Amino acid sequence: MLPTDLPPAERVAPLGADPAVGPRRFQAPALAVLALFVAGMVVAASGHWRRGAFVMGAAALAAGIVRWALPTRWAGMLAVRKRWFDVLCMLGAGAIIWLVALVVPPQ
């Protein structure tokens, strides 16, 4: 499949084609989501599992929103498959994590 056969939103130029945006900058959204998820794990490990689960769910929801909002070229490692599939999986995972945090009774 040639790059011209793709829809405009899915056309990807080589990483070095835009000198204003370096290759490392493309990973900033994924690193921000990862940092939020790790923060949730730290909160959960400190004994507040419900709060930690909410933060981890928020990280998954944020990943879905960022993947939906950014073009594929800028999504970095958040872009795994087609946009609709990535968004659906990440938003679904975040919603399920939040649902589990709400439903499981406190001890």
Protein backbone atom coordinates (compact mmCIF):
# COMPACT_ATOMS: atom_id res chain seq x y z
CA MET A 1 0.00 0.00 0.00
CA LEU A 2 1.45 3.32 -1.03
CA PRO A 3 1.37 6.30 1.37
CA THR A 4 -0.86 8.13 -1.12
CA ASP A 5 -3.46 5.33 -0.81
CA LEU A 6 -3.99 6.13 2.87
CA PRO A 7 -6.50 8.68 4.13
CA PRO A 8 -4.95 12.09 4.91
CA ALA A 9 -5.05 11.52 8.68
CA GLU A 10 -3.09 8.26 8.35
CA ARG A 11 -0.31 9.45 6.05
CA VAL A 12 2.97 9.39 7.90
CA ALA A 13 6.12 11.22 6.89
CA PRO A 14 9.54 9.98 8.00
CA LEU A 15 10.53 11.07 11.49
CA GLY A 16 13.31 13.32 10.25
CA ALA A 17 11.06 15.14 7.77
CA ASP A 18 9.91 17.82 10.23
CA PRO A 19 12.90 19.41 11.98
CA ALA A 20 10.62 21.41 14.32
CA VAL A 21 9.35 18.19 15.93
CA GLY A 22 12.08 15.76 16.96
CA PRO A 23 11.58 11.99 17.21
CA ARG A 24 11.63 12.05 21.02
CA ARG A 25 8.83 14.55 21.15
CA PHE A 26 6.50 11.96 19.63
CA GLN A 27 6.79 9.86 22.79
CA ALA A 28 5.70 12.65 25.17
CA PRO A 29 1.99 11.61 25.18
CA ALA A 30 2.85 7.99 25.92
CA LEU A 31 5.30 9.00 28.65
CA ALA A 32 2.72 11.29 30.27
CA VAL A 33 0.16 8.48 30.33
CA LEU A 34 2.78 6.08 31.68
CA ALA A 35 3.73 8.54 34.44
CA LEU A 36 0.07 8.87 35.45
CA PHE A 37 -0.34 5.09 35.51
CA VAL A 38 2.81 4.65 37.62
CA ALA A 39 1.52 7.32 40.01
CA GLY A 40 -1.66 5.28 40.39
CA MET A 41 0.38 2.16 41.11
CA VAL A 42 2.33 4.02 43.80
CA VAL A 43 -0.92 5.23 45.39
CA ALA A 44 -2.33 1.69 45.27
CA ALA A 45 0.85 0.25 46.76
CA SER A 46 0.71 2.72 49.64
CA GLY A 47 -2.53 1.13 50.82
CA HIS A 48 -5.14 3.23 49.00
CA TRP A 49 -6.02 0.71 46.31
CA ARG A 50 -9.31 2.36 45.32
CA ARG A 51 -7.70 5.77 44.77
CA GLY A 52 -4.86 4.11 42.90
CA ALA A 53 -7.31 2.25 40.69
CA PHE A 54 -9.09 5.50 39.88
CA VAL A 55 -5.79 7.12 38.90
CA MET A 56 -4.82 4.11 36.75
CA GLY A 57 -8.25 4.18 35.12
CA ALA A 58 -7.83 7.90 34.50
CA ALA A 59 -4.51 7.15 32.81
CA ALA A 60 -6.19 4.65 30.47
CA LEU A 61 -8.98 7.12 29.73
CA ALA A 62 -6.42 9.87 29.09
CA ALA A 63 -4.57 7.55 26.71
CA GLY A 64 -7.78 7.00 24.76
CA ILE A 65 -8.54 10.70 24.59
CA VAL A 66 -4.99 11.59 23.56
CA ARG A 67 -5.01 8.88 20.89
CA TRP A 68 -8.31 10.20 19.56
CA ALA A 69 -7.19 13.85 19.58
CA LEU A 70 -3.69 13.54 18.12
CA PRO A 71 -2.84 12.59 14.56
CA THR A 72 -1.27 9.17 14.17
CA ARG A 73 2.13 10.71 13.51
CA TRP A 74 2.11 12.52 16.85
CA ALA A 75 0.57 9.75 18.96
CA GLY A 76 3.88 7.90 19.30
CA MET A 77 3.60 4.57 21.07
CA LEU A 78 -0.10 5.12 21.77
CA ALA A 79 -0.72 4.36 18.09
CA VAL A 80 -0.69 0.57 17.90
CA ARG A 81 -3.47 -0.26 15.46
CA LYS A 82 -6.14 1.80 13.75
CA ARG A 83 -7.28 4.86 15.65
CA TRP A 84 -10.81 3.63 16.36
CA PHE A 85 -9.50 0.34 17.77
CA ASP A 86 -6.91 2.02 20.00
CA VAL A 87 -9.45 4.52 21.34
CA LEU A 88 -12.06 1.83 21.95
CA CYS A 89 -9.62 -0.42 23.81
CA MET A 90 -8.12 2.33 25.96
CA LEU A 91 -11.43 3.94 26.86
CA GLY A 92 -12.89 0.51 27.55
CA ALA A 93 -9.99 -0.44 29.80
CA GLY A 94 -10.27 2.83 31.72
CA ALA A 95 -14.02 2.39 32.17
CA ILE A 96 -13.61 -1.20 33.36
CA ILE A 97 -10.91 -0.21 35.87
CA TRP A 98 -13.16 2.55 37.23
CA LEU A 99 -16.12 0.17 37.38
CA VAL A 100 -14.11 -2.41 39.34
CA ALA A 101 -12.91 0.31 41.74
CA LEU A 102 -16.52 1.36 42.33
CA VAL A 103 -18.06 -2.11 42.62
CA VAL A 104 -15.56 -3.91 44.86
CA PRO A 105 -16.61 -3.30 48.46
CA PRO A 106 -14.07 -1.66 50.81
CA GLN A 107 -12.58 -3.82 53.52
